[in-house]
Protein backbone atom coordinates (compact mmCIF):
# COMPACT_ATOMS: atom_id res chain seq x y z
CA UNK A 1 -13.74 -5.55 9.82
CA UNK A 2 -13.69 -2.57 7.38
CA UNK A 3 -16.56 -1.00 9.32
CA UNK A 4 -14.63 -1.39 12.59
CA UNK A 5 -11.59 0.48 11.30
CA UNK A 6 -13.86 3.07 9.69
CA UNK A 7 -15.36 3.83 13.11
CA UNK A 8 -11.90 3.87 14.69
CA UNK A 9 -10.62 6.60 12.36
CA UNK A 10 -13.97 8.19 11.49
CA UNK A 11 -13.62 7.21 7.84
CA UNK A 12 -16.22 6.94 5.10
CA UNK A 13 -16.06 3.78 2.96
CA UNK A 14 -16.77 4.45 -0.71
CA UNK A 15 -16.94 1.56 -3.16
CA UNK A 16 -17.18 1.35 -6.94
CA UNK A 17 -18.80 -1.63 -8.65
CA UNK A 18 -18.67 -2.01 -12.43
CA UNK A 19 -16.86 -0.35 -15.31
CA UNK A 20 -14.86 1.69 -15.87
CA UNK A 21 -13.44 2.10 -12.37
CA UNK A 22 -13.45 -1.57 -11.43
CA UNK A 23 -11.22 -2.35 -14.39
CA UNK A 24 -8.80 0.46 -13.68
CA UNK A 25 -9.75 2.66 -16.59
CA UNK A 26 -9.98 6.44 -16.91
CA UNK A 27 -11.29 8.97 -16.27
CA UNK A 28 -9.83 9.74 -12.86
CA UNK A 29 -12.41 12.54 -12.56
CA UNK A 30 -15.09 9.89 -12.17
CA UNK A 31 -14.02 9.35 -8.57
CA UNK A 32 -14.25 13.08 -7.84
CA UNK A 33 -17.67 13.28 -9.48
CA UNK A 34 -19.08 10.33 -7.56
CA UNK A 35 -17.73 11.55 -4.24
CA UNK A 36 -19.23 14.98 -4.91
CA UNK A 37 -22.61 13.46 -5.71
CA UNK A 38 -22.50 11.26 -2.61
CA UNK A 39 -21.39 14.18 -0.41
CA UNK A 40 -24.38 16.20 -1.59
CA UNK A 41 -26.77 13.29 -1.07
CA UNK A 42 -25.69 12.64 2.53
CA UNK A 43 -25.14 16.36 3.24
CA UNK A 44 -21.48 15.99 4.14
CA UNK A 45 -19.69 18.47 1.84
CA UNK A 46 -16.42 17.94 3.73
CA UNK A 47 -16.05 14.63 1.86
CA UNK A 48 -14.95 16.65 -1.17
CA UNK A 49 -11.86 17.77 0.77
CA UNK A 50 -11.16 14.62 2.77
CA UNK A 51 -7.86 12.76 2.23
CA UNK A 52 -8.14 9.37 0.54
CA UNK A 53 -6.84 5.85 1.07
CA UNK A 54 -7.27 3.85 -2.15
CA UNK A 55 -7.66 0.09 -2.45
CA UNK A 56 -7.93 -1.76 -5.75
CA UNK A 57 -8.20 -5.47 -6.53
CA UNK A 58 -7.15 -7.09 -9.83
CA UNK A 59 -7.56 -4.57 -12.66
CA UNK A 60 -8.91 -2.12 -10.12
CA UNK A 61 -5.32 -1.66 -9.00
CA UNK A 62 -4.77 0.35 -12.17
CA UNK A 63 -6.96 3.09 -10.75
CA UNK A 64 -5.63 2.81 -7.20
CA UNK A 65 -2.12 3.48 -8.56
CA UNK A 66 -3.01 5.94 -11.34
CA UNK A 67 -5.09 8.31 -9.21
CA UNK A 68 -2.28 9.14 -6.75
CA UNK A 69 0.02 9.71 -9.74
CA UNK A 70 -2.27 12.61 -10.70
CA UNK A 71 -3.84 13.61 -7.40
CA UNK A 72 -1.08 12.63 -4.98
CA UNK A 73 -1.67 15.64 -2.74
CA UNK A 74 -4.98 14.13 -1.66
CA UNK A 75 -4.05 10.44 -1.26
CA UNK A 76 -2.36 9.47 2.00
CA UNK A 77 -1.65 5.88 0.83
CA UNK A 78 -2.89 3.19 -1.55
CA UNK A 79 -3.02 -0.59 -1.94
CA UNK A 80 -2.88 -2.83 -5.00
CA UNK A 81 -4.35 -6.23 -4.17
CA UNK A 82 -3.52 -9.11 -6.53
CA UNK A 83 -2.85 -6.93 -9.59
CA UNK A 84 -4.20 -8.30 -12.85
CA UNK A 85 -1.40 -6.48 -14.67
CA UNK A 86 1.48 -5.22 -12.55
CA UNK A 87 2.54 -2.84 -15.31
CA UNK A 88 -0.50 -0.70 -14.49
CA UNK A 89 1.25 -0.02 -11.20
CA UNK A 90 4.40 1.50 -12.69
CA UNK A 91 3.52 5.13 -11.93
CA UNK A 92 6.64 7.24 -11.22
CA UNK A 93 4.52 10.29 -10.32
CA UNK A 94 2.98 8.29 -7.46
CA UNK A 95 6.39 7.37 -6.02
CA UNK A 96 6.11 9.62 -2.96
CA UNK A 97 2.66 8.36 -1.98
CA UNK A 98 3.07 5.28 0.22
CA UNK A 99 1.91 2.21 -1.67
CA UNK A 100 1.63 -1.50 -0.96
CA UNK A 101 1.24 -4.29 -3.54
CA UNK A 102 0.08 -7.67 -2.23
CA UNK A 103 0.61 -10.73 -4.41
CA UNK A 104 -0.82 -14.20 -3.86
CA UNK A 105 1.89 -16.83 -4.28
CA UNK A 106 -0.43 -19.16 -6.23
CA UNK A 107 -2.26 -16.45 -8.15
CA UNK A 108 -1.93 -17.34 -11.87
CA UNK A 109 -1.58 -13.64 -12.70
CA UNK A 110 1.62 -13.50 -10.65
CA UNK A 111 3.14 -16.12 -12.95
CA UNK A 112 2.41 -14.08 -16.09
CA UNK A 113 5.01 -13.63 -17.52
CA UNK A 114 6.89 -14.66 -14.35
CA UNK A 115 6.90 -13.97 -10.62
CA UNK A 116 10.33 -12.38 -10.89
CA UNK A 117 9.27 -9.94 -13.61
CA UNK A 118 6.12 -8.88 -11.78
CA UNK A 119 7.90 -8.23 -8.51
CA UNK A 120 10.67 -6.43 -10.42
CA UNK A 121 8.23 -3.64 -11.31
CA UNK A 122 7.96 -2.60 -7.66
CA UNK A 123 11.71 -3.07 -7.23
CA UNK A 124 12.34 -0.82 -10.23
CA UNK A 125 10.08 1.86 -8.77
CA UNK A 126 12.12 1.69 -5.56
CA UNK A 127 15.46 1.89 -7.34
CA UNK A 128 14.69 4.45 -10.04
CA UNK A 129 12.26 6.69 -8.16
CA UNK A 130 13.02 6.09 -4.46
CA UNK A 131 9.37 5.05 -4.18
CA UNK A 132 7.81 4.78 -0.75
CA UNK A 133 6.47 1.38 -1.79
CA UNK A 134 6.57 -2.19 -0.61
CA UNK A 135 5.25 -5.51 -1.68
CA UNK A 136 4.20 -8.59 0.21
CA UNK A 137 3.69 -12.12 -1.10
CA UNK A 138 0.95 -14.00 0.70
CA UNK A 139 2.14 -17.62 0.84
CA UNK A 140 -0.01 -20.46 -0.50
CA UNK A 141 -2.88 -18.22 -1.60
CA UNK A 142 -4.43 -17.44 -4.95
CA UNK A 143 -6.25 -14.63 -6.69
CA UNK A 144 -8.56 -13.45 -3.95
CA UNK A 145 -7.71 -11.91 -0.57
CA UNK A 146 -8.84 -13.83 2.51
CA UNK A 147 -9.42 -13.13 6.18
CA UNK A 148 -5.68 -13.40 6.87
CA UNK A 149 -4.89 -10.67 4.34
CA UNK A 150 -6.90 -7.85 5.87
CA UNK A 151 -4.93 -7.32 9.10
CA UNK A 152 -1.84 -6.40 7.06
CA UNK A 153 -3.90 -3.97 4.95
CA UNK A 154 -5.32 -2.39 8.10
CA UNK A 155 -1.88 -2.17 9.69
CA UNK A 156 -0.70 -0.28 6.61
CA UNK A 157 -3.77 1.96 6.76
CA UNK A 158 -3.26 2.75 10.47
CA UNK A 159 0.45 3.50 10.21
CA UNK A 160 0.17 5.51 7.00
CA UNK A 161 -2.75 7.49 8.42
CA UNK A 162 -0.78 8.35 11.55
CA UNK A 163 2.28 9.31 9.49
CA UNK A 164 0.56 11.42 6.87
CA UNK A 165 -2.73 12.86 8.17
CA UNK A 166 -2.24 15.67 10.74
CA UNK A 167 -4.01 15.15 14.05
CA UNK A 168 -5.91 18.43 13.73
CA UNK A 169 -7.23 17.58 10.27
CA UNK A 170 -10.63 19.10 9.51
CA UNK A 171 -11.66 18.80 5.84
CA UNK A 172 -14.69 21.00 6.54
CA UNK A 173 -12.24 23.92 6.71
CA UNK A 174 -10.57 23.19 3.38
CA UNK A 175 -8.17 20.78 1.65
CA UNK A 176 -6.00 18.75 4.00
CA UNK A 177 -2.24 19.24 3.71
CA UNK A 178 -0.73 15.76 4.04
CA UNK A 179 2.62 15.27 5.75
CA UNK A 180 5.39 14.33 3.28
CA UNK A 181 7.56 11.37 4.24
CA UNK A 182 11.32 11.01 3.87
CA UNK A 183 12.60 7.78 2.38
CA UNK A 184 15.58 7.74 4.74
CA UNK A 185 13.26 7.80 7.77
CA UNK A 186 11.71 4.43 6.90
CA UNK A 187 12.82 0.82 7.13
CA UNK A 188 13.54 -1.77 4.46
CA UNK A 189 12.57 -5.39 4.16
CA UNK A 190 14.40 -8.05 2.16
CA UNK A 191 12.36 -9.11 -0.86
CA UNK A 192 10.62 -12.47 -1.09
CA UNK A 193 12.64 -15.24 -2.77
CA UNK A 194 10.73 -16.88 -5.62
CA UNK A 195 12.96 -19.98 -5.59
CA UNK A 196 12.42 -20.63 -1.89
CA UNK A 197 8.70 -19.80 -2.04
CA UNK A 198 6.25 -20.20 0.81
CA UNK A 199 6.73 -18.70 4.26
CA UNK A 200 9.97 -16.78 4.67
CA UNK A 201 11.68 -14.86 7.45
CA UNK A 202 13.12 -11.78 5.81
CA UNK A 203 15.49 -9.35 7.57
CA UNK A 204 14.24 -5.82 8.14
CA UNK A 205 16.36 -2.84 9.08
CA UNK A 206 16.28 0.96 9.39
CA UNK A 207 17.47 2.70 6.24
CA UNK A 208 19.74 4.96 8.30
CA UNK A 209 21.94 2.95 10.71
CA UNK A 210 20.68 3.48 14.25
CA UNK A 211 20.75 1.48 17.46
CA UNK A 212 18.86 -1.80 16.87
CA UNK A 213 15.23 -1.81 18.00
CA UNK A 214 13.75 -5.24 18.70
CA UNK A 215 12.52 -7.07 16.71
CA UNK A 216 14.33 -5.21 13.91
CA UNK A 217 17.35 -7.08 12.58
CA UNK A 218 20.75 -5.43 12.99
CA UNK A 219 21.62 -3.18 10.08
CA UNK A 220 24.66 -5.30 9.20
CA UNK A 221 22.48 -8.41 8.85
CA UNK A 222 20.45 -6.88 6.02
CA UNK A 223 22.08 -8.42 2.96
CA UNK A 224 19.77 -7.26 0.16
CA UNK A 225 20.12 -4.14 -1.96
CA UNK A 226 18.38 -1.41 0.02
CA UNK A 227 17.59 0.51 -3.16
CA UNK A 228 15.27 -2.26 -4.39
CA UNK A 229 14.07 -3.65 -1.04
CA UNK A 230 10.53 -2.99 0.15
CA UNK A 231 10.17 0.38 1.90
CA UNK A 232 8.41 0.08 5.27
CA UNK A 233 6.85 3.00 7.11
CA UNK A 234 8.33 2.48 10.57
CA UNK A 235 9.60 -0.17 12.98
CA UNK A 236 6.14 -1.28 14.09
CA UNK A 237 4.80 -1.74 10.57
CA UNK A 238 8.08 -3.40 9.52
CA UNK A 239 7.55 -5.96 12.28
CA UNK A 240 3.98 -6.62 11.05
CA UNK A 241 5.21 -7.05 7.48
CA UNK A 242 7.95 -9.43 8.61
CA UNK A 243 5.47 -11.48 10.66
CA UNK A 244 3.06 -11.66 7.72
CA UNK A 245 5.79 -12.96 5.40
CA UNK A 246 6.92 -15.49 8.00
CA UNK A 247 3.52 -16.74 9.19
CA UNK A 248 1.10 -15.67 6.46
CA UNK A 249 -0.94 -13.77 9.03
CA UNK A 250 -0.71 -11.38 11.94
CA UNK A 251 -1.44 -12.39 15.52
CA UNK A 252 -4.96 -11.40 16.61
């Protein structure tokens, strides 16, 4: 599946295995150095200028969140999958880079110290920094992502790519200028209820009141605090996020 989406968008997949990157440690320059070495090896120097989409699992989420806090001009979006420590994710300088945190409902790390406190970190980033961030809770799943997880990740990749990477992008001609996003142009999704648990249908609505667009819920029906609710890129991605929270998967 990753190779399919890589062909679709003409992306290169670059993976780190081992310390220090896999555990979310510094230095951030290690990514730049490894990309430069790989670009030279495969004779594709444009990789040094190409925009990035970062994905980190467990402690690797520390790096996926920290790098855009320092090099946000190059990262079009990032994902934290099953964070080992959610406090690694609290990166105010990465607030304007779209980010998605995916928890597993039965992941023991989510319960340390509590589900509410872990999710509150993303909510605090939304409220204090107007972060272009969201989180999703995958019902009845644990520490590792499964086949049902990836379609949501790829939906986020597709929509964030379309929103941020200009159509005429050519990294061979120099650094790519990513399109900045306005928080008021997105949608919001009501946050997952830890007491209810499991599969939940959460209202979603445009941030700015506009005519309802199916299947978006009417603005008046959104009862949560918009300042802490998950920020969703657009109506289409909001619908995918809502479906994922309701069904635990997206339709194939």
